[in-house]
């Protein structure tokens, strides 16, 4: 898709990113993640936060972010694509950009936990080629999670 721009988050993107969080995440994004970004993106993000957006016709249609805690630990990983633009490779483009920036900032590995039922996110991670499942578990008897990991060196 040549008409999609992937770039760093800007303060003026805030309202559109909040809309993505509120209306296009479904059941897969934790409330704590939403609250973290709502606070963190109210201004210029901290140096340890990576936030990128995808834009089409001056409209934000995707977001990806992560907080870097150490060279091997992250918090609040999130990738969201507007429901009208899914299944076009936008999430994958956002993830690639986010991982490129994370690598440049010294992150050595990226871990992501995904609900087993979140097939779209699992496929996206697996399509990047280097993500491997390294642990599985249960939130409760009805919900399972899968942890993925990739080396960034």
N, C-alpha and C. Protein backbone atom coordinates (compact mmCIF):
# COMPACT_ATOMS: atom_id res chain seq x y z
N UNK A 1 0.85 -1.19 0.00
CA UNK A 1 0.00 0.00 0.00
C UNK A 1 0.88 1.24 0.00
N UNK A 2 0.96 1.89 -1.09
CA UNK A 2 1.86 3.03 -1.22
C UNK A 2 1.29 4.31 -0.62
N UNK A 3 -0.01 4.39 -0.39
CA UNK A 3 -0.61 5.61 0.14
C UNK A 3 -0.60 5.68 1.66
N UNK A 4 0.01 4.72 2.31
CA UNK A 4 0.07 4.69 3.77
C UNK A 4 1.42 5.21 4.23
N UNK A 5 1.38 6.16 5.16
CA UNK A 5 2.58 6.73 5.74
C UNK A 5 2.72 6.19 7.17
N UNK A 6 3.89 5.67 7.51
CA UNK A 6 4.19 5.25 8.88
C UNK A 6 5.18 6.27 9.43
N UNK A 7 4.82 6.90 10.55
CA UNK A 7 5.67 7.95 11.11
C UNK A 7 5.56 7.97 12.63
N UNK A 8 6.45 8.76 13.25
CA UNK A 8 6.39 8.94 14.69
C UNK A 8 5.08 9.63 15.07
N UNK A 9 4.60 9.28 16.26
CA UNK A 9 3.41 9.92 16.83
C UNK A 9 3.70 11.40 17.05
N UNK A 10 2.69 12.23 16.83
CA UNK A 10 2.74 13.66 17.12
C UNK A 10 1.59 14.00 18.06
N UNK A 11 1.78 15.03 18.86
CA UNK A 11 0.76 15.44 19.83
C UNK A 11 -0.60 15.63 19.16
N UNK A 12 -0.62 16.21 17.97
CA UNK A 12 -1.89 16.47 17.31
C UNK A 12 -2.61 15.19 16.86
N UNK A 13 -1.94 14.04 16.95
CA UNK A 13 -2.56 12.75 16.62
C UNK A 13 -3.42 12.22 17.78
N UNK A 14 -3.33 12.86 18.93
CA UNK A 14 -3.91 12.34 20.16
C UNK A 14 -5.38 11.94 20.09
N UNK A 15 -6.22 12.81 19.55
CA UNK A 15 -7.66 12.50 19.51
C UNK A 15 -7.95 11.28 18.64
N UNK A 16 -7.26 11.20 17.50
CA UNK A 16 -7.50 10.06 16.60
C UNK A 16 -6.96 8.77 17.19
N UNK A 17 -5.83 8.84 17.89
CA UNK A 17 -5.30 7.64 18.54
C UNK A 17 -6.23 7.19 19.67
N UNK A 18 -6.75 8.14 20.42
CA UNK A 18 -7.70 7.78 21.47
C UNK A 18 -8.94 7.12 20.88
N UNK A 19 -9.39 7.61 19.75
CA UNK A 19 -10.53 6.97 19.08
C UNK A 19 -10.21 5.53 18.70
N UNK A 20 -8.99 5.31 18.19
CA UNK A 20 -8.59 3.94 17.87
C UNK A 20 -8.67 3.04 19.10
N UNK A 21 -8.14 3.53 20.21
CA UNK A 21 -8.18 2.74 21.45
C UNK A 21 -9.61 2.47 21.89
N UNK A 22 -10.46 3.45 21.82
CA UNK A 22 -11.83 3.31 22.33
C UNK A 22 -12.72 2.44 21.45
N UNK A 23 -12.59 2.55 20.14
CA UNK A 23 -13.57 1.94 19.26
C UNK A 23 -13.05 0.83 18.35
N UNK A 24 -11.74 0.61 18.34
CA UNK A 24 -11.22 -0.35 17.37
C UNK A 24 -10.30 -1.40 17.98
N UNK A 25 -10.35 -1.57 19.29
CA UNK A 25 -9.49 -2.57 19.91
C UNK A 25 -10.24 -3.84 20.27
N UNK A 26 -11.53 -3.79 20.28
CA UNK A 26 -12.29 -4.99 20.65
C UNK A 26 -11.98 -5.39 22.08
N UNK A 27 -11.89 -6.68 22.31
CA UNK A 27 -11.70 -7.18 23.66
C UNK A 27 -10.25 -7.51 23.98
N UNK A 28 -9.33 -7.22 23.06
CA UNK A 28 -7.97 -7.71 23.21
C UNK A 28 -7.02 -6.79 23.96
N UNK A 29 -7.34 -5.54 24.12
CA UNK A 29 -6.42 -4.61 24.75
C UNK A 29 -6.82 -4.37 26.19
N UNK A 30 -5.87 -4.47 27.07
CA UNK A 30 -6.15 -4.27 28.48
C UNK A 30 -6.41 -2.80 28.79
N UNK A 31 -7.26 -2.56 29.76
CA UNK A 31 -7.58 -1.19 30.18
C UNK A 31 -6.33 -0.46 30.65
N UNK A 32 -5.43 -1.14 31.36
CA UNK A 32 -4.20 -0.51 31.85
C UNK A 32 -3.36 0.02 30.69
N UNK A 33 -3.35 -0.70 29.57
CA UNK A 33 -2.59 -0.25 28.40
C UNK A 33 -3.21 1.03 27.84
N UNK A 34 -4.53 1.04 27.72
CA UNK A 34 -5.22 2.24 27.24
C UNK A 34 -4.92 3.43 28.15
N UNK A 35 -5.01 3.24 29.45
CA UNK A 35 -4.78 4.34 30.39
C UNK A 35 -3.34 4.83 30.35
N UNK A 36 -2.39 3.90 30.18
CA UNK A 36 -0.98 4.29 30.07
C UNK A 36 -0.79 5.23 28.87
N UNK A 37 -1.29 4.83 27.71
CA UNK A 37 -1.10 5.66 26.52
C UNK A 37 -1.90 6.95 26.58
N UNK A 38 -3.07 6.92 27.17
CA UNK A 38 -3.86 8.15 27.31
C UNK A 38 -3.06 9.20 28.07
N UNK A 39 -2.40 8.78 29.14
CA UNK A 39 -1.58 9.69 29.94
C UNK A 39 -0.26 10.02 29.22
N UNK A 40 0.42 9.01 28.73
CA UNK A 40 1.75 9.18 28.13
C UNK A 40 1.72 10.04 26.87
N UNK A 41 0.69 9.94 26.09
CA UNK A 41 0.64 10.65 24.81
C UNK A 41 -0.02 12.02 24.91
N UNK A 42 -0.27 12.47 26.12
CA UNK A 42 -0.79 13.82 26.33
C UNK A 42 0.39 14.78 26.40
N UNK A 43 1.07 14.91 25.30
CA UNK A 43 2.30 15.69 25.20
C UNK A 43 3.31 14.88 24.42
N UNK A 44 4.57 15.22 24.53
CA UNK A 44 5.61 14.47 23.85
C UNK A 44 5.89 13.20 24.64
N UNK A 45 5.89 12.02 24.00
CA UNK A 45 6.15 10.78 24.73
C UNK A 45 7.54 10.79 25.39
N UNK A 46 7.66 10.10 26.51
CA UNK A 46 8.94 9.95 27.20
C UNK A 46 9.95 9.29 26.28
N UNK A 47 11.23 9.46 26.59
CA UNK A 47 12.29 8.87 25.78
C UNK A 47 12.22 7.35 25.72
N UNK A 48 11.66 6.73 26.75
CA UNK A 48 11.59 5.27 26.77
C UNK A 48 10.28 4.72 26.17
N UNK A 49 9.51 5.59 25.54
CA UNK A 49 8.27 5.17 24.90
C UNK A 49 8.39 5.36 23.39
N UNK A 50 8.07 4.32 22.68
CA UNK A 50 8.03 4.37 21.22
C UNK A 50 6.56 4.43 20.83
N UNK A 51 6.22 5.39 19.98
CA UNK A 51 4.84 5.53 19.52
C UNK A 51 4.88 5.93 18.05
N UNK A 52 4.28 5.09 17.21
CA UNK A 52 4.23 5.36 15.77
C UNK A 52 2.79 5.23 15.30
N UNK A 53 2.49 5.92 14.22
CA UNK A 53 1.14 5.88 13.66
C UNK A 53 1.20 5.59 12.17
N UNK A 54 0.09 5.09 11.65
CA UNK A 54 -0.08 4.97 10.21
C UNK A 54 -1.14 5.99 9.81
N UNK A 55 -0.87 6.65 8.69
CA UNK A 55 -1.72 7.75 8.24
C UNK A 55 -2.10 7.54 6.79
N UNK A 56 -3.37 7.77 6.48
CA UNK A 56 -3.88 7.74 5.12
C UNK A 56 -4.69 9.03 4.92
N UNK A 57 -4.36 9.78 3.90
CA UNK A 57 -5.07 11.04 3.61
C UNK A 57 -5.19 11.93 4.85
N UNK A 58 -4.08 12.09 5.57
CA UNK A 58 -4.00 12.93 6.78
C UNK A 58 -4.88 12.42 7.92
N UNK A 59 -5.25 11.18 7.89
CA UNK A 59 -6.08 10.57 8.94
C UNK A 59 -5.30 9.43 9.58
N UNK A 60 -5.21 9.43 10.91
CA UNK A 60 -4.54 8.35 11.63
C UNK A 60 -5.44 7.13 11.61
N UNK A 61 -4.92 6.03 11.05
CA UNK A 61 -5.73 4.81 10.97
C UNK A 61 -5.07 3.63 11.69
N UNK A 62 -3.90 3.89 12.31
CA UNK A 62 -3.23 2.84 13.06
C UNK A 62 -2.25 3.42 14.05
N UNK A 63 -1.98 2.65 15.10
CA UNK A 63 -1.06 3.06 16.16
C UNK A 63 -0.30 1.84 16.65
N UNK A 64 0.96 2.03 16.99
CA UNK A 64 1.73 0.99 17.65
C UNK A 64 2.66 1.65 18.65
N UNK A 65 2.71 1.09 19.84
CA UNK A 65 3.54 1.67 20.88
C UNK A 65 4.08 0.62 21.83
N UNK A 66 5.09 1.03 22.59
CA UNK A 66 5.67 0.18 23.61
C UNK A 66 6.51 1.04 24.56
N UNK A 67 6.56 0.64 25.81
CA UNK A 67 7.45 1.28 26.78
C UNK A 67 8.65 0.37 26.97
N UNK A 68 9.86 0.91 26.82
CA UNK A 68 11.09 0.15 27.03
C UNK A 68 11.48 0.27 28.49
N UNK A 69 11.57 -0.86 29.18
CA UNK A 69 11.91 -0.88 30.60
C UNK A 69 13.40 -1.15 30.78
N UNK A 70 13.93 -2.07 30.01
CA UNK A 70 15.36 -2.39 30.01
C UNK A 70 15.71 -2.88 28.61
N UNK A 71 16.93 -3.42 28.43
CA UNK A 71 17.28 -3.88 27.09
C UNK A 71 16.61 -5.20 26.71
N UNK A 72 15.91 -5.81 27.66
CA UNK A 72 15.18 -7.05 27.36
C UNK A 72 13.74 -7.06 27.90
N UNK A 73 13.30 -5.95 28.48
CA UNK A 73 11.96 -5.92 29.07
C UNK A 73 11.16 -4.75 28.53
N UNK A 74 9.91 -5.02 28.19
CA UNK A 74 8.99 -3.99 27.70
C UNK A 74 7.69 -4.04 28.50
N UNK A 75 6.92 -2.97 28.41
CA UNK A 75 5.57 -2.92 28.98
C UNK A 75 4.66 -2.24 27.97
N UNK A 76 3.40 -2.51 28.09
CA UNK A 76 2.34 -1.87 27.32
C UNK A 76 2.49 -1.99 25.80
N UNK A 77 2.83 -3.18 25.30
CA UNK A 77 2.86 -3.30 23.83
C UNK A 77 1.44 -3.18 23.28
N UNK A 78 1.30 -2.42 22.23
CA UNK A 78 -0.02 -2.24 21.62
C UNK A 78 0.15 -1.98 20.14
N UNK A 79 -0.68 -2.61 19.35
CA UNK A 79 -0.79 -2.29 17.93
C UNK A 79 -2.27 -2.34 17.58
N UNK A 80 -2.76 -1.24 17.04
CA UNK A 80 -4.19 -1.09 16.75
C UNK A 80 -4.33 -0.57 15.32
N UNK A 81 -5.24 -1.16 14.58
CA UNK A 81 -5.56 -0.67 13.24
C UNK A 81 -7.07 -0.46 13.17
N UNK A 82 -7.47 0.68 12.63
CA UNK A 82 -8.89 0.99 12.46
C UNK A 82 -9.57 -0.18 11.76
N UNK A 83 -10.74 -0.54 12.21
CA UNK A 83 -11.43 -1.72 11.69
C UNK A 83 -11.68 -1.65 10.17
N UNK A 84 -11.79 -0.47 9.60
CA UNK A 84 -12.00 -0.34 8.16
C UNK A 84 -10.74 -0.60 7.34
N UNK A 85 -9.58 -0.71 8.01
CA UNK A 85 -8.30 -0.84 7.31
C UNK A 85 -7.54 -2.12 7.67
N UNK A 86 -8.19 -3.05 8.32
CA UNK A 86 -7.52 -4.29 8.73
C UNK A 86 -7.30 -5.22 7.54
N UNK A 87 -6.39 -6.18 7.75
CA UNK A 87 -6.05 -7.20 6.76
C UNK A 87 -5.43 -6.60 5.49
N UNK A 88 -4.66 -5.53 5.67
CA UNK A 88 -3.95 -4.90 4.55
C UNK A 88 -2.45 -4.77 4.84
N UNK A 89 -1.98 -5.38 5.92
CA UNK A 89 -0.56 -5.33 6.25
C UNK A 89 -0.14 -4.11 7.05
N UNK A 90 -1.10 -3.30 7.49
CA UNK A 90 -0.77 -2.08 8.22
C UNK A 90 -0.20 -2.38 9.60
N UNK A 91 -0.78 -3.33 10.31
CA UNK A 91 -0.25 -3.72 11.61
C UNK A 91 1.19 -4.20 11.49
N UNK A 92 1.47 -4.95 10.47
CA UNK A 92 2.81 -5.46 10.22
C UNK A 92 3.79 -4.31 9.95
N UNK A 93 3.36 -3.32 9.16
CA UNK A 93 4.21 -2.15 8.89
C UNK A 93 4.49 -1.37 10.18
N UNK A 94 3.46 -1.21 11.00
CA UNK A 94 3.64 -0.52 12.28
C UNK A 94 4.61 -1.27 13.18
N UNK A 95 4.44 -2.58 13.26
CA UNK A 95 5.33 -3.39 14.09
C UNK A 95 6.77 -3.30 13.60
N UNK A 96 6.97 -3.38 12.31
CA UNK A 96 8.34 -3.29 11.77
C UNK A 96 8.99 -1.97 12.15
N UNK A 97 8.24 -0.87 12.02
CA UNK A 97 8.78 0.45 12.38
C UNK A 97 9.08 0.52 13.87
N UNK A 98 8.16 0.02 14.68
CA UNK A 98 8.36 0.04 16.13
C UNK A 98 9.59 -0.79 16.52
N UNK A 99 9.75 -1.96 15.92
CA UNK A 99 10.90 -2.82 16.23
C UNK A 99 12.20 -2.18 15.74
N UNK A 100 12.16 -1.51 14.61
CA UNK A 100 13.36 -0.82 14.10
C UNK A 100 13.82 0.25 15.09
N UNK A 101 12.88 1.04 15.60
CA UNK A 101 13.20 2.09 16.57
C UNK A 101 13.69 1.46 17.88
N UNK A 102 13.01 0.40 18.33
CA UNK A 102 13.40 -0.28 19.57
C UNK A 102 14.82 -0.82 19.47
N UNK A 103 15.15 -1.41 18.34
CA UNK A 103 16.50 -1.93 18.12
C UNK A 103 17.52 -0.79 18.19
N UNK A 104 17.22 0.32 17.56
CA UNK A 104 18.11 1.49 17.57
C UNK A 104 18.29 2.06 18.97
N UNK A 105 17.27 1.87 19.82
CA UNK A 105 17.36 2.36 21.21
C UNK A 105 18.00 1.34 22.14
N UNK A 106 18.42 0.19 21.61
CA UNK A 106 19.15 -0.78 22.40
C UNK A 106 18.37 -1.97 22.91
N UNK A 107 17.10 -2.11 22.52
CA UNK A 107 16.33 -3.27 22.95
C UNK A 107 16.88 -4.52 22.27
N UNK A 108 17.16 -5.55 23.05
CA UNK A 108 17.77 -6.76 22.51
C UNK A 108 16.76 -7.86 22.19
N UNK A 109 15.62 -7.86 22.88
CA UNK A 109 14.57 -8.82 22.55
C UNK A 109 13.22 -8.19 22.83
N UNK A 110 12.24 -8.64 22.09
CA UNK A 110 10.89 -8.12 22.21
C UNK A 110 9.97 -9.29 22.54
N UNK A 111 9.23 -9.15 23.62
CA UNK A 111 8.28 -10.17 24.06
C UNK A 111 6.88 -9.60 23.97
N UNK A 112 5.95 -10.42 23.54
CA UNK A 112 4.57 -9.97 23.44
C UNK A 112 3.64 -11.09 23.88
N UNK A 113 2.66 -10.74 24.69
CA UNK A 113 1.65 -11.70 25.11
C UNK A 113 0.36 -11.41 24.34
N UNK A 114 -0.23 -12.47 23.81
CA UNK A 114 -1.41 -12.34 22.97
C UNK A 114 -2.44 -13.36 23.43
N UNK A 115 -3.68 -12.94 23.50
CA UNK A 115 -4.74 -13.88 23.82
C UNK A 115 -4.83 -14.94 22.72
N UNK A 116 -5.01 -16.18 23.11
CA UNK A 116 -5.07 -17.27 22.14
C UNK A 116 -6.14 -17.02 21.07
N UNK A 117 -7.23 -16.39 21.46
CA UNK A 117 -8.34 -16.14 20.52
C UNK A 117 -8.06 -14.97 19.57
N UNK A 118 -7.00 -14.21 19.82
CA UNK A 118 -6.67 -13.06 18.99
C UNK A 118 -5.86 -13.52 17.77
N UNK A 119 -6.54 -14.17 16.86
CA UNK A 119 -5.91 -14.79 15.70
C UNK A 119 -5.19 -13.75 14.83
N UNK A 120 -5.79 -12.58 14.65
CA UNK A 120 -5.18 -11.56 13.79
C UNK A 120 -3.81 -11.13 14.33
N UNK A 121 -3.72 -10.88 15.63
CA UNK A 121 -2.43 -10.48 16.21
C UNK A 121 -1.41 -11.61 16.16
N UNK A 122 -1.87 -12.81 16.40
CA UNK A 122 -0.95 -13.95 16.34
C UNK A 122 -0.40 -14.12 14.93
N UNK A 123 -1.26 -14.04 13.94
CA UNK A 123 -0.81 -14.17 12.54
C UNK A 123 0.16 -13.05 12.16
N UNK A 124 -0.14 -11.84 12.62
CA UNK A 124 0.73 -10.71 12.32
C UNK A 124 2.12 -10.94 12.90
N UNK A 125 2.21 -11.34 14.17
CA UNK A 125 3.51 -11.61 14.78
C UNK A 125 4.24 -12.74 14.05
N UNK A 126 3.53 -13.81 13.77
CA UNK A 126 4.14 -14.96 13.10
C UNK A 126 4.59 -14.61 11.68
N UNK A 127 3.88 -13.70 11.02
CA UNK A 127 4.25 -13.32 9.65
C UNK A 127 5.52 -12.47 9.61
N UNK A 128 5.91 -11.89 10.73
CA UNK A 128 7.15 -11.12 10.77
C UNK A 128 8.37 -12.02 10.69
N UNK A 129 8.17 -13.33 10.89
CA UNK A 129 9.23 -14.31 10.64
C UNK A 129 10.09 -14.69 11.81
N UNK A 130 10.42 -13.76 12.68
CA UNK A 130 11.35 -14.06 13.76
C UNK A 130 10.67 -14.31 15.10
N UNK A 131 9.38 -14.07 15.21
CA UNK A 131 8.68 -14.28 16.47
C UNK A 131 8.37 -15.76 16.65
N UNK A 132 8.72 -16.27 17.81
CA UNK A 132 8.47 -17.67 18.15
C UNK A 132 7.70 -17.75 19.47
N UNK A 133 6.85 -18.74 19.58
CA UNK A 133 6.14 -18.99 20.83
C UNK A 133 7.14 -19.54 21.85
N UNK A 134 7.16 -18.95 23.05
CA UNK A 134 8.05 -19.49 24.07
C UNK A 134 7.34 -19.85 25.36
N UNK A 135 6.07 -19.51 25.48
CA UNK A 135 5.33 -19.89 26.69
C UNK A 135 3.84 -19.77 26.41
N UNK A 136 3.05 -20.62 27.05
CA UNK A 136 1.60 -20.55 26.95
C UNK A 136 1.02 -20.73 28.34
N UNK A 137 -0.15 -20.14 28.57
CA UNK A 137 -0.78 -20.27 29.87
C UNK A 137 -2.24 -19.89 29.80
N UNK A 138 -2.84 -19.74 30.98
CA UNK A 138 -4.26 -19.43 31.07
C UNK A 138 -4.48 -18.22 31.95
N UNK A 139 -5.37 -17.31 31.49
CA UNK A 139 -5.85 -16.23 32.35
C UNK A 139 -6.79 -16.84 33.38
N UNK A 140 -7.65 -17.70 32.87
CA UNK A 140 -8.56 -18.51 33.68
C UNK A 140 -8.90 -19.73 32.85
N UNK A 141 -9.83 -20.57 33.29
CA UNK A 141 -10.08 -21.81 32.56
C UNK A 141 -10.67 -21.61 31.17
N UNK A 142 -11.19 -20.41 30.89
CA UNK A 142 -11.80 -20.15 29.59
C UNK A 142 -10.95 -19.30 28.64
N UNK A 143 -9.89 -18.69 29.16
CA UNK A 143 -9.07 -17.81 28.33
C UNK A 143 -7.60 -18.18 28.46
N UNK A 144 -6.97 -18.34 27.30
CA UNK A 144 -5.57 -18.72 27.28
C UNK A 144 -4.75 -17.62 26.62
N UNK A 145 -3.46 -17.59 26.97
CA UNK A 145 -2.55 -16.62 26.37
C UNK A 145 -1.34 -17.33 25.81
N UNK A 146 -0.68 -16.63 24.89
CA UNK A 146 0.53 -17.13 24.25
C UNK A 146 1.57 -16.01 24.29
N UNK A 147 2.78 -16.33 24.71
CA UNK A 147 3.88 -15.36 24.70
C UNK A 147 4.78 -15.64 23.51
N UNK A 148 5.07 -14.56 22.78
CA UNK A 148 5.98 -14.61 21.64
C UNK A 148 7.24 -13.84 21.99
N UNK A 149 8.34 -14.23 21.37
CA UNK A 149 9.61 -13.55 21.60
C UNK A 149 10.41 -13.53 20.31
N UNK A 150 11.18 -12.44 20.13
CA UNK A 150 12.15 -12.36 19.02
C UNK A 150 13.38 -11.61 19.51
N UNK A 151 14.51 -11.98 18.99
CA UNK A 151 15.77 -11.28 19.25
C UNK A 151 15.87 -10.12 18.27
N UNK A 152 16.38 -8.99 18.75
CA UNK A 152 16.50 -7.81 17.89
C UNK A 152 17.95 -7.49 17.51
N UNK A 153 18.86 -8.32 17.89
CA UNK A 153 20.27 -8.04 17.58
C UNK A 153 20.67 -8.54 16.23
